[in-house]
Amino acid sequence: MMRLLLLALASLTLAGCAALDPYAQAPVAQRLQRDDALGDCARLFRANDALIDAAGTRDALAPRVAGFPYLRVDRALATLADAADAGPSLARQWYAALALLDDDSRRIELGNAGSDDVAVVAPLAVCRRLLARADQEEAASLREAAQVPDDYSSAMRAWGLYPLTRHAFAAGIRRWQRETVDEFTAYGDDDPARHRRQRYIVGGPQNMVPTLRQLPELGLPVVSPSALASLVARHAPTLEIETAGDDDRPGALVWRREPRRLQVGVDVDEPVLYVRTGHTRLGGRWLLQLTYAVWFAARPRQQAMDLLAGRLDGLLWRVTLDADGTALVYDTIHPCGCYHLFLPTERVRARPQVKGIEEGLFVVQTLRSPAANERVVLRLAAATHYLQRAETEMEGNDDDKAIVLSLRDDDQLRSLPLPDGGTRSAFAPDGLIAGSERLERFYFWPMGIASAGQMRQWGRHATAFVGRRHFDDPTLFDRYFEHPP
């Protein structure tokens, strides 16, 4: 009972933090008081945000910038803020990226609310341009404010006596790491589950081009649509999944009307591999990343009191690419942000890490960077969907027995069709998928992660229970690896 009480108090603290009003800070707070075009525009955005919040369609991918709620920021753009300070031209391009992020997010939010017609969207674009001219005088304040809030709750950690309890959690993490290395080793020489595996491939020229941010003046690499489609197809992994039932068959996320409510489920008749682009810093350069996501209907219960079981499960597989399009590092998590593993290639080396209690670089296996005619194969366990091993093999091996995966833009999950018409994000305004909660949240909350084990949206993946680490942090790889010339 005491645990539930503490969790409720921590949740209230989180809710209070999430409810901070981005219109309460300068300069927008002052503009709201003005009786001119700037004041009208500030009030227009505030009214628009009230409509979105009333409809419950707020998108958690990128938060609004406090004091500048007509702009949004993610961790990559926050990292680029210092580069934007190098000159007026760079500052304008960075600002334009913040504005575009808000425009894209707001269109999705309004579309899910059924209010994305031209009469609503067009005035917002006009006002954003007007506010941009005024923002030139607030450049320093904007760079300081354009930060992504931490996905850890200091309040939950305080309630959970984190300085003390983290030691027990750290011991559990070290035990899991040893067990994971043992499993990868066991599956290295032989595959005991090979006769129970179903193979999935990305077959044929699908030419899928995911959304890509291109800011060459600020250092982000330029990639043409055709080149990007080629890279997506080239680096898409082949999956070999130990299959005990439908919960081990990958599919598309869909909204379904179930007996008591609408819920997000998985359509296994549509085998899908979702793709997202991103960027990281490594060796003083910005590099392209491709993240592939596969979803399952559930992690089925393995025992009477299974803390980790629940609706929905999956795997995210990320490829960090060199400038020539070859793989440098692989890493992976589940959609809850759990089980962060690194699989570097021979083209990088790990930096020496400071020993301590916090979770750091966990290399579970090295993997040879595949040639153009080779592909990475991932072996996944039944039920848990844990990655058991990754291998590099020639394309075409056993592909005649494989099921073909369709490639889709991961951003489609922000606006899925509803059974009765309209659209809705798979993710709630807090970035979590409702109905995918795990019992482990009642035990892991002292580590400061809201609803540990629950499936969550890109940008909301905290990947360390002890310490602080985010999957989309573009400085992560520079801390862990170096790229020899």
Protein backbone atom coordinates (compact mmCIF):
# COMPACT_ATOMS: atom_id res chain seq x y z
CA MET A 1 0.00 0.00 0.00
CA MET A 2 2.84 2.37 0.87
CA ARG A 3 4.47 1.63 -2.50
CA LEU A 4 1.26 2.53 -4.33
CA LEU A 5 0.93 5.72 -2.30
CA LEU A 6 4.47 6.77 -3.14
CA LEU A 7 3.91 6.01 -6.81
CA ALA A 8 0.74 8.08 -6.81
CA LEU A 9 2.57 11.01 -5.22
CA ALA A 10 5.38 10.70 -7.75
CA SER A 11 2.89 10.55 -10.61
CA LEU A 12 1.25 13.72 -9.36
CA THR A 13 4.64 15.39 -9.33
CA LEU A 14 5.25 14.27 -12.90
CA ALA A 15 1.86 15.55 -13.98
CA GLY A 16 2.61 18.92 -12.43
CA CYS A 17 5.92 19.12 -14.30
CA ALA A 18 4.26 18.17 -17.58
CA ALA A 19 1.61 20.85 -17.09
CA LEU A 20 4.07 23.77 -16.96
CA ASP A 21 2.63 26.50 -19.16
CA PRO A 22 4.99 27.43 -22.05
CA TYR A 23 3.07 30.73 -22.32
CA ALA A 24 4.02 31.80 -18.79
CA GLN A 25 7.57 32.84 -19.68
CA ALA A 26 9.05 35.72 -21.67
CA PRO A 27 8.86 36.79 -24.39
CA VAL A 28 5.44 35.30 -25.18
CA ALA A 29 4.03 36.19 -21.75
CA GLN A 30 4.60 39.88 -22.53
CA ARG A 31 3.29 39.56 -26.07
CA LEU A 32 0.01 38.17 -24.82
CA GLN A 33 -0.58 41.56 -23.13
CA ARG A 34 0.00 43.57 -26.31
CA ASP A 35 -2.83 45.06 -28.34
CA ASP A 36 -1.20 44.62 -31.76
CA ALA A 37 -0.43 41.98 -34.37
CA LEU A 38 2.17 40.30 -32.17
CA GLY A 39 -0.33 40.04 -29.35
CA ASP A 40 -2.99 38.66 -31.69
CA CYS A 41 -0.56 36.01 -32.96
CA ALA A 42 0.48 34.95 -29.47
CA ARG A 43 -3.20 34.61 -28.50
CA LEU A 44 -3.90 32.65 -31.70
CA PHE A 45 -1.26 30.08 -30.82
CA ARG A 46 -2.50 29.87 -27.23
CA ALA A 47 -6.05 29.25 -28.45
CA ASN A 48 -4.79 26.66 -30.90
CA ASP A 49 -2.91 24.86 -28.13
CA ALA A 50 -6.03 24.93 -25.96
CA LEU A 51 -7.95 23.23 -28.79
CA ILE A 52 -5.27 20.53 -29.12
CA ASP A 53 -5.14 19.89 -25.38
CA ALA A 54 -8.93 19.74 -25.13
CA ALA A 55 -8.98 17.14 -27.91
CA GLY A 56 -6.23 15.14 -26.16
CA THR A 57 -4.07 15.01 -29.29
CA ARG A 58 -0.86 16.59 -27.99
CA ASP A 59 2.19 14.95 -29.62
CA ALA A 60 5.12 14.16 -27.33
CA LEU A 61 7.81 13.77 -30.01
CA ALA A 62 9.22 17.29 -29.53
CA PRO A 63 8.19 19.73 -26.77
CA ARG A 64 7.27 23.36 -27.35
CA VAL A 65 9.98 25.83 -26.37
CA ALA A 66 9.09 27.66 -23.16
CA GLY A 67 8.51 31.31 -23.97
CA PHE A 68 8.45 30.45 -27.69
CA PRO A 69 5.55 27.95 -27.92
CA TYR A 70 5.27 28.38 -31.70
CA LEU A 71 8.63 26.57 -31.97
CA ARG A 72 9.59 23.02 -30.97
CA VAL A 73 12.86 21.33 -30.20
CA ASP A 74 14.30 17.84 -30.07
CA ARG A 75 17.65 16.73 -28.69
CA ALA A 76 19.46 17.08 -32.02
CA LEU A 77 18.30 20.67 -32.52
CA ALA A 78 19.13 21.48 -28.90
CA THR A 79 22.67 20.23 -29.53
CA LEU A 80 22.90 22.40 -32.65
CA ALA A 81 22.05 25.59 -30.73
CA ASP A 82 25.71 26.47 -30.14
CA ALA A 83 26.54 26.04 -33.85
CA ALA A 84 23.66 28.36 -34.71
CA ASP A 85 25.36 31.08 -32.65
CA ALA A 86 28.18 31.32 -35.22
CA GLY A 87 26.39 33.79 -37.49
CA PRO A 88 23.03 35.26 -38.55
CA SER A 89 22.62 32.89 -41.49
CA LEU A 90 23.12 29.80 -39.31
CA ALA A 91 20.81 31.23 -36.66
CA ARG A 92 18.06 31.70 -39.25
CA GLN A 93 18.42 28.12 -40.50
CA TRP A 94 18.30 26.75 -36.98
CA TYR A 95 15.24 28.85 -36.20
CA ALA A 96 13.59 27.62 -39.41
CA ALA A 97 14.17 24.03 -38.28
CA LEU A 98 12.48 24.76 -34.93
CA ALA A 99 9.57 26.37 -36.77
CA LEU A 100 9.23 23.47 -39.21
CA LEU A 101 9.20 21.02 -36.31
CA ASP A 102 6.30 22.92 -34.74
CA ASP A 103 4.47 23.17 -38.05
CA ASP A 104 4.77 19.41 -38.68
CA SER A 105 3.78 18.50 -35.11
CA ARG A 106 0.89 20.95 -35.01
CA ARG A 107 -0.52 19.65 -38.31
CA ILE A 108 -0.49 16.12 -36.89
CA GLU A 109 -2.13 17.27 -33.65
CA LEU A 110 -4.79 19.25 -35.49
CA GLY A 111 -5.38 16.43 -37.97
CA ASN A 112 -5.93 13.98 -35.14
CA ALA A 113 -8.33 16.51 -33.60
CA GLY A 114 -10.18 16.88 -36.93
CA SER A 115 -9.21 20.56 -37.26
CA ASP A 116 -6.40 20.65 -39.83
CA ASP A 117 -8.23 22.63 -42.53
CA VAL A 118 -6.57 25.56 -44.29
CA ALA A 119 -8.60 28.10 -42.32
CA VAL A 120 -6.89 26.90 -39.13
CA VAL A 121 -3.37 26.15 -40.39
CA ALA A 122 -2.74 29.11 -42.72
CA PRO A 123 -3.08 31.88 -40.07
CA LEU A 124 -0.63 29.98 -37.84
CA ALA A 125 2.00 30.02 -40.60
CA VAL A 126 1.53 33.77 -41.11
CA CYS A 127 1.85 34.41 -37.38
CA ARG A 128 4.90 32.21 -37.06
CA ARG A 129 6.68 34.33 -39.69
CA LEU A 130 5.66 37.53 -37.89
CA LEU A 131 6.90 36.18 -34.57
CA ALA A 132 10.14 35.05 -36.25
CA ARG A 133 11.01 38.65 -37.09
CA ALA A 134 10.40 39.66 -33.50
CA ASP A 135 12.41 36.69 -32.22
CA GLN A 136 15.58 38.05 -33.80
CA GLU A 137 15.91 40.28 -30.74
CA GLU A 138 15.52 37.26 -28.44
CA ALA A 139 18.15 34.96 -30.00
CA ALA A 140 20.14 34.41 -26.78
CA SER A 141 17.01 33.64 -24.76
CA LEU A 142 15.79 31.22 -27.41
CA ARG A 143 19.05 29.27 -27.49
CA GLU A 144 18.94 28.97 -23.70
CA ALA A 145 15.28 27.88 -23.67
CA ALA A 146 15.52 25.39 -26.56
CA GLN A 147 16.18 22.34 -24.42
CA VAL A 148 14.39 19.01 -24.10
CA PRO A 149 13.26 18.21 -20.55
CA ASP A 150 14.90 15.21 -18.93
CA ASP A 151 12.81 12.02 -19.06
CA TYR A 152 13.75 11.25 -15.46
CA SER A 153 11.81 12.49 -12.48
CA SER A 154 13.98 13.85 -9.68
CA ALA A 155 10.87 13.82 -7.49
CA MET A 156 10.35 10.08 -8.00
CA ARG A 157 14.01 9.47 -7.23
CA ALA A 158 13.74 11.54 -4.07
CA TRP A 159 10.65 9.61 -2.91
CA GLY A 160 12.41 6.34 -3.77
CA LEU A 161 15.60 7.19 -1.86
CA TYR A 162 17.55 6.82 -5.09
CA PRO A 163 21.05 7.41 -3.59
CA LEU A 164 20.49 4.25 -1.54
CA THR A 165 18.18 2.07 -3.65
CA ARG A 166 20.22 2.49 -6.85
CA HIS A 167 22.86 0.08 -5.47
CA ALA A 168 20.42 -2.82 -5.42
CA PHE A 169 19.23 -1.96 -8.93
CA ALA A 170 22.82 -1.67 -10.16
CA ALA A 171 23.57 -5.17 -8.85
CA GLY A 172 20.53 -6.49 -10.72
CA ILE A 173 21.66 -4.76 -13.93
CA ARG A 174 25.14 -6.27 -13.67
CA ARG A 175 23.58 -9.72 -13.23
CA TRP A 176 21.38 -9.18 -16.32
CA GLN A 177 24.43 -8.07 -18.32
CA ARG A 178 26.33 -11.24 -17.41
CA GLU A 179 23.35 -13.41 -18.37
CA THR A 180 22.96 -11.54 -21.67
CA VAL A 181 26.62 -12.04 -22.59
CA ASP A 182 26.30 -15.74 -21.76
CA GLU A 183 23.24 -16.04 -24.02
CA PHE A 184 24.94 -14.27 -26.93
CA THR A 185 27.94 -16.58 -26.49
CA ALA A 186 25.72 -19.66 -26.43
CA TYR A 187 24.07 -18.68 -29.70
CA GLY A 188 27.38 -17.79 -31.37
CA ASP A 189 28.54 -21.32 -32.28
CA ASP A 190 25.16 -22.92 -32.78
CA ASP A 191 21.49 -21.96 -32.80
CA PRO A 192 19.48 -24.32 -30.60
CA ALA A 193 16.24 -22.68 -31.77
CA ARG A 194 16.97 -22.73 -35.51
CA HIS A 195 14.15 -25.19 -36.31
CA ARG A 196 11.62 -22.94 -34.56
CA ARG A 197 12.57 -19.71 -36.31
CA GLN A 198 10.62 -17.86 -38.98
CA ARG A 199 12.70 -15.70 -41.30
CA TYR A 200 11.60 -12.17 -42.33
CA ILE A 201 13.29 -10.07 -45.00
CA VAL A 202 12.85 -6.70 -46.67
CA GLY A 203 12.46 -7.91 -50.23
CA GLY A 204 12.30 -6.16 -53.57
CA PRO A 205 12.80 -2.47 -54.44
CA GLN A 206 10.42 -0.76 -52.01
CA ASN A 207 11.96 2.73 -52.41
CA MET A 208 10.67 3.89 -49.04
CA VAL A 209 12.03 7.34 -48.11
CA PRO A 210 11.53 8.25 -44.44
CA THR A 211 11.44 11.82 -43.18
CA LEU A 212 14.95 13.32 -43.03
CA ARG A 213 16.19 16.62 -41.60
CA GLN A 214 18.88 18.19 -43.76
CA LEU A 215 20.84 21.16 -42.42
CA PRO A 216 24.21 21.02 -44.22
CA GLU A 217 25.31 24.48 -43.10
CA LEU A 218 24.95 23.32 -39.49
CA GLY A 219 26.83 20.09 -40.20
CA LEU A 220 24.08 17.55 -40.89
CA PRO A 221 24.87 15.41 -43.95
CA VAL A 222 23.00 15.85 -47.23
CA VAL A 223 21.40 12.69 -48.60
CA SER A 224 19.27 12.62 -51.75
CA PRO A 225 15.92 10.78 -51.63
CA SER A 226 17.19 8.03 -53.94
CA ALA A 227 20.37 7.57 -51.90
CA LEU A 228 18.36 7.48 -48.67
CA ALA A 229 15.97 4.86 -50.07
CA SER A 230 18.99 2.78 -51.08
CA LEU A 231 20.56 3.06 -47.61
CA VAL A 232 17.28 2.14 -45.91
CA ALA A 233 16.94 -1.00 -48.01
CA ARG A 234 20.62 -1.90 -47.72
CA HIS A 235 20.78 -1.73 -43.93
CA ALA A 236 17.34 -3.16 -43.12
CA PRO A 237 18.00 -6.24 -40.97
CA THR A 238 16.77 -9.72 -41.68
CA LEU A 239 14.88 -11.16 -38.71
CA GLU A 240 14.93 -14.77 -37.57
CA ILE A 241 12.29 -15.01 -34.86
CA GLU A 242 11.72 -18.05 -32.69
CA THR A 243 7.98 -18.46 -33.11
CA ALA A 244 5.68 -20.06 -30.55
CA GLY A 245 2.49 -18.21 -31.52
CA ASP A 246 0.99 -15.01 -32.89
CA ASP A 247 2.71 -12.93 -30.21
CA ASP A 248 5.98 -13.68 -32.02
CA ARG A 249 4.76 -12.52 -35.42
CA PRO A 250 5.66 -8.89 -36.31
CA GLY A 251 2.96 -6.63 -37.67
CA ALA A 252 1.59 -3.14 -38.15
CA LEU A 253 0.35 -1.03 -35.25
CA VAL A 254 -3.38 -0.36 -35.65
CA TRP A 255 -6.27 1.04 -33.64
CA ARG A 256 -8.88 -1.61 -32.76
CA ARG A 257 -12.27 -1.33 -31.14
CA GLU A 258 -12.24 -3.85 -28.32
CA PRO A 259 -15.14 -4.70 -25.98
CA ARG A 260 -14.58 -1.83 -23.56
CA ARG A 261 -12.45 0.71 -25.41
CA LEU A 262 -10.26 1.54 -28.37
CA GLN A 263 -6.79 0.10 -28.03
CA VAL A 264 -3.62 -0.07 -30.08
CA GLY A 265 -2.92 -3.57 -31.35
CA VAL A 266 -0.79 -5.35 -33.94
CA ASP A 267 -2.07 -6.64 -37.27
CA VAL A 268 0.10 -9.69 -37.91
CA ASP A 269 -1.35 -10.00 -41.42
CA GLU A 270 0.67 -6.88 -42.30
CA PRO A 271 4.33 -7.68 -41.52
CA VAL A 272 5.97 -4.26 -41.20
CA LEU A 273 9.37 -2.80 -40.42
CA TYR A 274 9.13 0.87 -39.42
CA VAL A 275 12.05 3.19 -40.22
CA ARG A 276 13.19 6.50 -38.70
CA THR A 277 16.19 8.71 -39.49
CA GLY A 278 18.31 10.58 -36.98
CA HIS A 279 21.78 11.98 -36.40
CA THR A 280 24.61 11.60 -33.94
CA ARG A 281 27.97 13.23 -33.31
CA LEU A 282 31.06 11.05 -33.57
CA GLY A 283 34.64 12.22 -33.96
CA GLY A 284 33.61 15.83 -34.54
CA ARG A 285 31.19 14.98 -37.37
CA TRP A 286 27.45 14.57 -37.67
CA LEU A 287 26.51 11.13 -38.96
CA LEU A 288 23.27 9.66 -40.28
CA GLN A 289 21.43 7.03 -38.26
CA LEU A 290 18.67 4.65 -39.37
CA THR A 291 16.42 3.12 -36.72
CA TYR A 292 14.24 0.13 -37.61
CA ALA A 293 11.34 -0.88 -35.36
CA VAL A 294 9.40 -4.13 -35.28
CA TRP A 295 6.26 -4.57 -33.16
CA PHE A 296 4.60 -7.60 -31.56
CA ALA A 297 1.12 -7.96 -30.08
CA ALA A 298 2.34 -8.87 -26.59
CA ARG A 299 5.03 -10.19 -24.35
CA PRO A 300 3.07 -13.21 -23.05
CA ARG A 301 3.13 -14.23 -19.42
CA GLN A 302 5.84 -16.78 -18.62
CA GLN A 303 4.87 -17.40 -15.00
CA ALA A 304 2.12 -16.55 -12.54
CA MET A 305 3.76 -13.31 -11.37
CA ASP A 306 5.47 -12.04 -14.52
CA LEU A 307 6.43 -8.41 -13.94
CA LEU A 308 7.56 -7.93 -17.56
CA ALA A 309 4.54 -9.37 -19.41
CA GLY A 310 1.89 -7.21 -21.07
CA ARG A 311 0.30 -5.96 -24.25
CA LEU A 312 2.62 -4.90 -27.06
CA ASP A 313 6.34 -5.48 -27.35
CA GLY A 314 9.00 -4.88 -29.95
CA LEU A 315 12.58 -4.17 -30.86
CA LEU A 316 14.39 -1.06 -32.13
CA TRP A 317 17.56 -1.69 -34.14
CA ARG A 318 19.72 1.35 -34.92
CA VAL A 319 22.50 1.63 -37.50
CA THR A 320 25.00 4.50 -37.27
CA LEU A 321 26.50 5.13 -40.72
CA ASP A 322 29.83 6.52 -41.81
CA ALA A 323 29.94 9.18 -44.52
CA ASP A 324 30.37 6.47 -47.17
CA GLY A 325 27.18 4.68 -46.07
CA THR A 326 28.86 1.77 -44.29
CA ALA A 327 27.87 0.73 -40.78
CA LEU A 328 29.99 1.91 -37.84
CA VAL A 329 27.96 0.94 -34.76
CA TYR A 330 24.75 -0.94 -34.08
CA ASP A 331 22.68 -0.57 -30.94
CA THR A 332 19.26 -1.74 -29.84
CA ILE A 333 16.52 -1.26 -27.25
CA HIS A 334 12.94 -2.41 -26.79
CA PRO A 335 10.18 0.23 -27.24
CA CYS A 336 10.08 0.68 -23.45
CA GLY A 337 13.66 2.00 -23.59
CA CYS A 338 14.86 -1.17 -21.86
CA TYR A 339 17.78 -3.50 -22.66
CA HIS A 340 20.17 -1.06 -24.34
CA LEU A 341 22.87 -3.12 -26.08
CA PHE A 342 25.74 -1.97 -28.31
CA LEU A 343 27.28 -3.99 -31.14
CA PRO A 344 30.19 -1.99 -32.60
CA THR A 345 31.93 -2.91 -35.84
CA GLU A 346 35.67 -3.10 -36.45
CA ARG A 347 35.56 0.48 -37.78
CA VAL A 348 35.30 2.04 -34.30
CA ARG A 349 36.86 1.45 -30.92
CA ALA A 350 35.36 1.97 -27.50
CA ARG A 351 36.60 4.86 -25.41
CA PRO A 352 37.89 4.04 -21.92
CA GLN A 353 34.97 4.35 -19.52
CA VAL A 354 35.07 5.71 -15.99
CA LYS A 355 34.22 2.89 -13.62
CA GLY A 356 31.24 3.60 -11.43
CA ILE A 357 27.77 2.51 -10.47
CA GLU A 358 25.96 4.25 -13.34
CA GLU A 359 25.01 2.34 -16.47
CA GLY A 360 27.39 3.01 -19.31
CA LEU A 361 28.54 1.34 -22.50
CA PHE A 362 27.45 -2.30 -22.60
CA VAL A 363 28.98 -4.08 -25.58
CA VAL A 364 27.35 -7.47 -25.90
CA GLN A 365 28.95 -8.46 -29.23
CA THR A 366 31.12 -7.08 -32.00
CA LEU A 367 29.78 -7.36 -35.54
CA ARG A 368 31.68 -7.14 -38.80
CA SER A 369 30.54 -4.21 -40.95
CA PRO A 370 28.67 -5.85 -43.84
CA ALA A 371 29.65 -5.36 -47.46
CA ALA A 372 27.16 -4.08 -50.02
CA ASN A 373 26.03 -7.64 -50.86
CA GLU A 374 25.68 -8.70 -47.22
CA ARG A 375 22.98 -8.22 -44.62
CA VAL A 376 22.75 -8.32 -40.82
CA VAL A 377 20.57 -11.11 -39.43
CA LEU A 378 19.00 -10.72 -35.98
CA ARG A 379 17.93 -13.75 -33.97
CA LEU A 380 15.08 -13.01 -31.57
CA ALA A 381 13.74 -15.21 -28.79
CA ALA A 382 10.13 -16.31 -28.55
CA ALA A 383 7.88 -14.48 -26.06
CA THR A 384 10.54 -12.13 -24.63
CA HIS A 385 11.72 -10.99 -28.08
CA TYR A 386 15.19 -10.57 -26.65
CA LEU A 387 17.98 -10.24 -29.18
CA GLN A 388 20.07 -13.41 -28.86
CA ARG A 389 22.66 -12.89 -31.56
CA ALA A 390 23.46 -10.86 -34.68
CA GLU A 391 25.33 -12.22 -37.69
CA THR A 392 26.52 -10.93 -41.07
CA GLU A 393 25.68 -13.14 -44.05
CA MET A 394 25.41 -12.99 -47.83
CA GLU A 395 22.11 -11.71 -49.20
CA GLY A 396 19.74 -14.35 -50.50
CA ASN A 397 20.51 -17.12 -47.99
CA ASP A 398 17.24 -18.99 -47.30
CA ASP A 399 15.24 -15.99 -48.58
CA ASP A 400 12.90 -18.36 -50.45
CA LYS A 401 11.53 -19.42 -47.05
CA ALA A 402 11.14 -15.88 -45.75
CA ILE A 403 8.14 -13.63 -45.19
CA VAL A 404 8.54 -10.19 -46.76
CA LEU A 405 8.40 -7.13 -44.50
CA SER A 406 7.01 -3.85 -45.82
CA LEU A 407 8.93 -0.68 -44.96
CA ARG A 408 6.98 2.24 -43.46
CA ASP A 409 7.90 5.66 -42.10
CA ASP A 410 7.88 5.52 -38.30
CA ASP A 411 6.19 8.94 -38.28
CA GLN A 412 3.00 7.23 -39.52
CA LEU A 413 2.49 6.00 -35.96
CA ARG A 414 1.69 9.58 -34.97
CA SER A 415 -1.48 9.53 -37.08
CA LEU A 416 -3.11 6.10 -37.43
CA PRO A 417 -6.62 5.56 -38.87
CA LEU A 418 -9.41 4.94 -36.35
CA PRO A 419 -11.97 2.16 -36.99
CA ASP A 420 -14.84 4.64 -37.30
CA GLY A 421 -13.01 7.35 -39.24
CA GLY A 422 -10.50 10.04 -38.33
CA THR A 423 -6.99 9.50 -37.02
CA ARG A 424 -5.18 9.24 -33.69
CA SER A 425 -1.59 8.84 -32.61
CA ALA A 426 -0.60 5.45 -31.24
CA PHE A 427 0.89 7.44 -28.36
CA ALA A 428 -0.90 9.39 -25.65
CA PRO A 429 0.07 13.02 -24.89
CA ASP A 430 2.59 11.72 -22.35
CA GLY A 431 4.33 9.71 -25.09
CA LEU A 432 3.20 6.31 -23.74
CA ILE A 433 0.96 3.71 -25.39
CA ALA A 434 -2.07 3.23 -23.16
CA GLY A 435 -2.74 -0.39 -22.26
CA SER A 436 0.91 -1.48 -22.50
CA GLU A 437 1.70 -0.98 -18.80
CA ARG A 438 3.84 -3.53 -16.96
CA LEU A 439 3.75 -4.60 -13.31
CA GLU A 440 7.44 -3.74 -13.09
CA ARG A 441 6.46 -0.07 -12.84
CA PHE A 442 5.51 -0.67 -9.21
CA TYR A 443 9.04 -1.83 -8.45
CA PHE A 444 11.26 0.29 -10.67
CA TRP A 445 9.75 3.73 -10.02
CA PRO A 446 12.49 4.74 -7.50
CA MET A 447 14.84 4.97 -10.51
CA GLY A 448 12.82 7.95 -11.78
CA ILE A 449 11.34 6.57 -15.01
CA ALA A 450 7.59 7.01 -15.36
CA SER A 451 5.84 3.65 -15.89
CA ALA A 452 8.96 1.57 -16.49
CA GLY A 453 8.36 -1.13 -19.08
CA GLN A 454 5.56 0.68 -20.90
CA MET A 455 5.89 1.20 -24.65
CA ARG A 456 6.74 4.79 -25.57
CA GLN A 457 7.27 7.24 -28.41
CA TRP A 458 10.53 8.19 -30.08
CA GLY A 459 12.27 10.88 -28.05
CA ARG A 460 10.91 9.50 -24.77
CA HIS A 461 13.27 6.54 -24.33
CA ALA A 462 15.25 6.79 -21.10
CA THR A 463 17.63 3.81 -21.34
CA ALA A 464 19.38 3.66 -17.96
CA PHE A 465 17.84 2.88 -14.59
CA VAL A 466 21.01 3.93 -12.76
CA GLY A 467 22.26 7.23 -14.12
CA ARG A 468 20.62 9.27 -16.90
CA ARG A 469 20.74 8.37 -20.58
CA HIS A 470 18.43 8.90 -23.57
CA PHE A 471 18.36 6.85 -26.76
CA ASP A 472 18.02 9.95 -28.97
CA ASP A 473 20.87 11.89 -27.32
CA PRO A 474 23.17 12.86 -30.26
CA THR A 475 26.19 13.17 -27.95
CA LEU A 476 25.93 9.57 -26.75
CA PHE A 477 28.21 7.96 -29.35
CA ASP A 478 30.95 10.54 -28.91
CA ARG A 479 31.05 9.59 -25.22
CA TYR A 480 31.32 5.88 -25.95
CA PHE A 481 33.30 5.50 -29.20
CA GLU A 482 36.06 6.99 -31.29
CA HIS A 483 36.47 6.62 -35.03
CA PRO A 484 40.12 6.14 -35.94
CA PRO A 485 41.19 7.87 -39.19
